[in-house]
């Protein structure tokens, strides 16, 4: 299977028995693969970029989500 075009998603990183997962606001779960270090972001909102292959995303960018202004 070939990789898709790059995507940017937002969600929360969670550690599961299968490894790191990105959980989007609607509940969609993506298994994270790649060399991105995410242990310090578990349980926190993140912005994520990568390519989707089946139910996994090969990561190339992961960072804390920026908080939006209440104004």
C-alpha atoms as a PDB file:
ATOM      1  CA  UNK A   1       0.000   0.000   0.000  1.00  0.00           C
ATOM      2  CA  UNK A   2       1.329   3.456  -0.845  1.00  0.00           C
ATOM      3  CA  UNK A   3       1.225   6.455   1.482  1.00  0.00           C
ATOM      4  CA  UNK A   4      -1.293   9.232   1.000  1.00  0.00           C
ATOM      5  CA  UNK A   5      -0.660  12.953   0.748  1.00  0.00           C
ATOM      6  CA  UNK A   6       0.499  14.730   3.907  1.00  0.00           C
ATOM      7  CA  UNK A   7      -2.231  15.604   6.418  1.00  0.00           C
ATOM      8  CA  UNK A   8      -2.390  17.942   9.417  1.00  0.00           C
ATOM      9  CA  UNK A   9      -4.532  16.797  12.339  1.00  0.00           C
ATOM     10  CA  UNK A  10      -5.241  17.948  15.870  1.00  0.00           C
ATOM     11  CA  UNK A  11      -5.997  15.748  18.837  1.00  0.00           C
ATOM     12  CA  UNK A  12      -4.609  14.272  22.036  1.00  0.00           C
ATOM     13  CA  UNK A  13      -1.748  11.781  22.260  1.00  0.00           C
ATOM     14  CA  UNK A  14      -2.485   8.632  24.295  1.00  0.00           C
ATOM     15  CA  UNK A  15      -0.359   5.605  25.199  1.00  0.00           C
ATOM     16  CA  UNK A  16      -2.171   2.333  24.531  1.00  0.00           C
ATOM     17  CA  UNK A  17      -1.089  -1.313  24.653  1.00  0.00           C
ATOM     18  CA  UNK A  18      -0.473  -1.013  20.874  1.00  0.00           C
ATOM     19  CA  UNK A  19       1.689   2.084  21.268  1.00  0.00           C
ATOM     20  CA  UNK A  20       1.120   5.805  20.802  1.00  0.00           C
ATOM     21  CA  UNK A  21      -2.228   6.901  19.391  1.00  0.00           C
ATOM     22  CA  UNK A  22      -3.576  10.236  18.221  1.00  0.00           C
ATOM     23  CA  UNK A  23      -7.208  10.680  19.249  1.00  0.00           C
ATOM     24  CA  UNK A  24      -9.068  13.339  17.284  1.00  0.00           C
ATOM     25  CA  UNK A  25     -11.946  15.355  18.793  1.00  0.00           C
ATOM     26  CA  UNK A  26     -14.572  13.187  17.060  1.00  0.00           C
ATOM     27  CA  UNK A  27     -13.022  10.036  18.539  1.00  0.00           C
ATOM     28  CA  UNK A  28     -11.094   8.833  15.466  1.00  0.00           C
ATOM     29  CA  UNK A  29      -7.925   7.016  16.536  1.00  0.00           C
ATOM     30  CA  UNK A  30      -4.694   6.861  14.554  1.00  0.00           C
ATOM     31  CA  UNK A  31      -1.688   4.728  15.484  1.00  0.00           C
ATOM     32  CA  UNK A  32       1.447   6.877  15.375  1.00  0.00           C
ATOM     33  CA  UNK A  33       4.543   5.450  13.699  1.00  0.00           C
ATOM     34  CA  UNK A  34       7.830   7.113  12.876  1.00  0.00           C
ATOM     35  CA  UNK A  35      10.712   8.708  14.719  1.00  0.00           C
ATOM     36  CA  UNK A  36       8.810  11.577  16.379  1.00  0.00           C
ATOM     37  CA  UNK A  37       9.290  11.672  20.176  1.00  0.00           C
ATOM     38  CA  UNK A  38       5.909  12.122  21.871  1.00  0.00           C
ATOM     39  CA  UNK A  39       6.186  10.732  25.430  1.00  0.00           C
ATOM     40  CA  UNK A  40       6.240  14.247  26.932  1.00  0.00           C
ATOM     41  CA  UNK A  41       2.978  15.070  25.088  1.00  0.00           C
ATOM     42  CA  UNK A  42       0.843  12.153  26.342  1.00  0.00           C
ATOM     43  CA  UNK A  43      -2.543  13.454  27.455  1.00  0.00           C
ATOM     44  CA  UNK A  44      -1.977  16.888  25.904  1.00  0.00           C
ATOM     45  CA  UNK A  45      -3.509  18.544  22.824  1.00  0.00           C
ATOM     46  CA  UNK A  46      -1.195  18.430  19.811  1.00  0.00           C
ATOM     47  CA  UNK A  47      -0.920  19.391  16.169  1.00  0.00           C
ATOM     48  CA  UNK A  48       0.342  16.549  14.046  1.00  0.00           C
ATOM     49  CA  UNK A  49       1.557  16.163  10.464  1.00  0.00           C
ATOM     50  CA  UNK A  50       2.260  12.958   8.616  1.00  0.00           C
ATOM     51  CA  UNK A  51       1.072  10.570   5.928  1.00  0.00           C
ATOM     52  CA  UNK A  52      -1.740   8.061   6.409  1.00  0.00           C
ATOM     53  CA  UNK A  53      -1.178   4.396   5.630  1.00  0.00           C
ATOM     54  CA  UNK A  54      -4.216   2.269   6.575  1.00  0.00           C
ATOM     55  CA  UNK A  55      -5.045   3.134  10.244  1.00  0.00           C
ATOM     56  CA  UNK A  56      -1.574   4.487  11.002  1.00  0.00           C
ATOM     57  CA  UNK A  57       0.096   7.833  10.457  1.00  0.00           C
ATOM     58  CA  UNK A  58       3.794   8.045   9.731  1.00  0.00           C
ATOM     59  CA  UNK A  59       4.790  11.116  11.682  1.00  0.00           C
ATOM     60  CA  UNK A  60       7.166  13.829  10.619  1.00  0.00           C
ATOM     61  CA  UNK A  61       5.912  16.678  12.850  1.00  0.00           C
ATOM     62  CA  UNK A  62       4.276  16.719  16.297  1.00  0.00           C
ATOM     63  CA  UNK A  63       4.022  19.737  18.589  1.00  0.00           C
ATOM     64  CA  UNK A  64       1.841  21.041  21.423  1.00  0.00           C
ATOM     65  CA  UNK A  65      -1.330  22.672  20.077  1.00  0.00           C
ATOM     66  CA  UNK A  66      -1.487  26.420  20.366  1.00  0.00           C
ATOM     67  CA  UNK A  67      -4.212  27.651  22.645  1.00  0.00           C
ATOM     68  CA  UNK A  68      -6.762  29.885  20.996  1.00  0.00           C
ATOM     69  CA  UNK A  69      -7.494  33.284  22.427  1.00  0.00           C
ATOM     70  CA  UNK A  70     -10.809  33.576  24.320  1.00  0.00           C
ATOM     71  CA  UNK A  71     -11.349  37.005  22.689  1.00  0.00           C
END
